[in-house]
Structures are given as C-alpha cells and as structure tokens.
Protein backbone atom coordinates (compact mmCIF):
# COMPACT_ATOMS: atom_id res chain seq x y z
CA UNK A 1 25.58 6.87 -3.21
CA UNK A 2 25.28 6.52 0.54
CA UNK A 3 23.91 3.26 1.98
CA UNK A 4 20.69 4.09 3.87
CA UNK A 5 21.24 1.21 6.30
CA UNK A 6 24.92 1.94 7.01
CA UNK A 7 25.57 1.96 10.75
CA UNK A 8 21.98 1.02 11.55
CA UNK A 9 21.10 -1.70 14.04
CA UNK A 10 20.50 -4.96 12.13
CA UNK A 11 17.03 -5.51 13.64
CA UNK A 12 15.93 -1.99 12.73
CA UNK A 13 17.27 -2.38 9.18
CA UNK A 14 15.43 -5.68 8.72
CA UNK A 15 12.19 -4.23 10.07
CA UNK A 16 12.45 -1.18 7.80
CA UNK A 17 13.17 -3.43 4.85
CA UNK A 18 10.18 -5.68 5.67
CA UNK A 19 7.77 -2.79 6.19
CA UNK A 20 8.94 -1.18 2.96
CA UNK A 21 8.30 -4.42 1.10
CA UNK A 22 4.79 -4.71 2.55
CA UNK A 23 4.05 -1.08 1.58
CA UNK A 24 5.22 -1.81 -1.96
CA UNK A 25 3.10 -4.97 -2.22
CA UNK A 26 0.01 -3.16 -0.94
CA UNK A 27 0.48 -0.37 -3.48
CA UNK A 28 1.02 -2.78 -6.36
CA UNK A 29 -1.96 -4.96 -5.43
CA UNK A 30 -4.21 -1.91 -5.19
CA UNK A 31 -2.96 -0.69 -8.55
CA UNK A 32 -3.67 -4.11 -10.06
CA UNK A 33 -7.28 -3.99 -8.83
CA UNK A 34 -7.78 -0.63 -10.50
CA UNK A 35 -6.14 -1.73 -13.76
CA UNK A 36 -8.66 -4.56 -14.06
CA UNK A 37 -11.42 -1.97 -14.33
CA UNK A 38 -9.57 0.85 -16.09
CA UNK A 39 -9.80 3.27 -13.16
CA UNK A 40 -7.32 5.13 -10.98
CA UNK A 41 -9.06 5.23 -7.61
CA UNK A 42 -11.87 3.86 -5.46
CA UNK A 43 -14.33 6.64 -6.21
CA UNK A 44 -14.05 6.22 -9.97
CA UNK A 45 -14.54 2.48 -9.56
CA UNK A 46 -17.63 3.02 -7.42
CA UNK A 47 -18.98 5.56 -9.92
CA UNK A 48 -18.60 3.06 -12.76
CA UNK A 49 -20.32 0.38 -10.69
CA UNK A 50 -23.28 2.57 -9.78
CA UNK A 51 -23.59 3.81 -13.38
CA UNK A 52 -23.76 0.21 -14.57
CA UNK A 53 -20.65 0.62 -16.72
CA UNK A 54 -19.03 -2.43 -15.14
CA UNK A 55 -20.61 -5.47 -13.48
CA UNK A 56 -21.26 -5.13 -9.78
CA UNK A 57 -19.50 -8.38 -9.00
CA UNK A 58 -16.60 -8.71 -8.55
CA UNK A 59 -16.08 -4.95 -9.01
CA UNK A 60 -17.73 -4.05 -5.71
CA UNK A 61 -15.54 -6.55 -3.87
CA UNK A 62 -12.55 -4.99 -5.60
CA UNK A 63 -13.75 -1.55 -4.48
CA UNK A 64 -13.92 -2.75 -0.87
CA UNK A 65 -10.55 -4.48 -1.15
CA UNK A 66 -8.90 -1.36 -2.55
CA UNK A 67 -10.17 0.62 0.43
CA UNK A 68 -8.77 -1.95 2.84
CA UNK A 69 -5.43 -1.94 1.02
CA UNK A 70 -5.30 1.87 1.18
CA UNK A 71 -6.08 1.92 4.90
CA UNK A 72 -3.44 -0.72 5.53
CA UNK A 73 -0.91 1.31 3.54
CA UNK A 74 -1.48 4.25 5.89
CA UNK A 75 -0.88 2.05 8.94
CA UNK A 76 2.30 0.57 7.44
CA UNK A 77 3.63 4.01 6.44
CA UNK A 78 2.99 5.34 9.94
CA UNK A 79 4.76 2.35 11.49
CA UNK A 80 7.64 2.73 9.05
CA UNK A 81 7.99 6.39 10.00
CA UNK A 82 8.10 5.50 13.70
CA UNK A 83 10.72 2.79 13.13
CA UNK A 84 12.90 5.06 10.98
CA UNK A 85 12.76 7.88 13.52
CA UNK A 86 13.66 5.52 16.36
CA UNK A 87 16.29 3.50 14.48
CA UNK A 88 19.53 2.95 16.36
CA UNK A 89 22.52 4.15 14.38
CA UNK A 90 26.01 3.43 15.60
C-alpha cells in the first residue's frame, strides 16, 4: 500500500493530518448528538422536538449544535481539498 504522505512537504503533511483529524472529530461529535435522541439528521431531530416526542431542552440546543458542526465540516473539507491540491511533493 502506497504511503499517501510519501514525498510530501512536512508542513503540508502535518496540516492535512490535522485537518483530517478535525473533520473526523466533527463527524463523530455530530453523530453522538444524534445517537442521544435516536435520529440520523437535524431535520428528524427537529421533527421529534416539534412533535413533542422528545423534550425541547437540551434537544433544541443539540439540533443547533449539529447544524454548526455540519457547517464547520464543510469548511474543513473545503480547506482540506485546497491544501491537498496545493501540497508540495518532491
């Protein structure tokens, strides 16, 4: 199996590694919020809140947090893509 970072500038490799770790943590934290309420996405969580199936608090805060985590994931993925495309390989 080929090493993804082979020949890559050390700074680029470290940045890619760090951004990948942040993306992973964001995904896992978002997933954990959903698991607490037995849902798979923000809309289902909001539907359960408005239907009174789960208590509004802290579920609504979790709904807002999940949206923030998702938006941050998009930013991190975009940054990761830019870094990967511009990585210096020797």
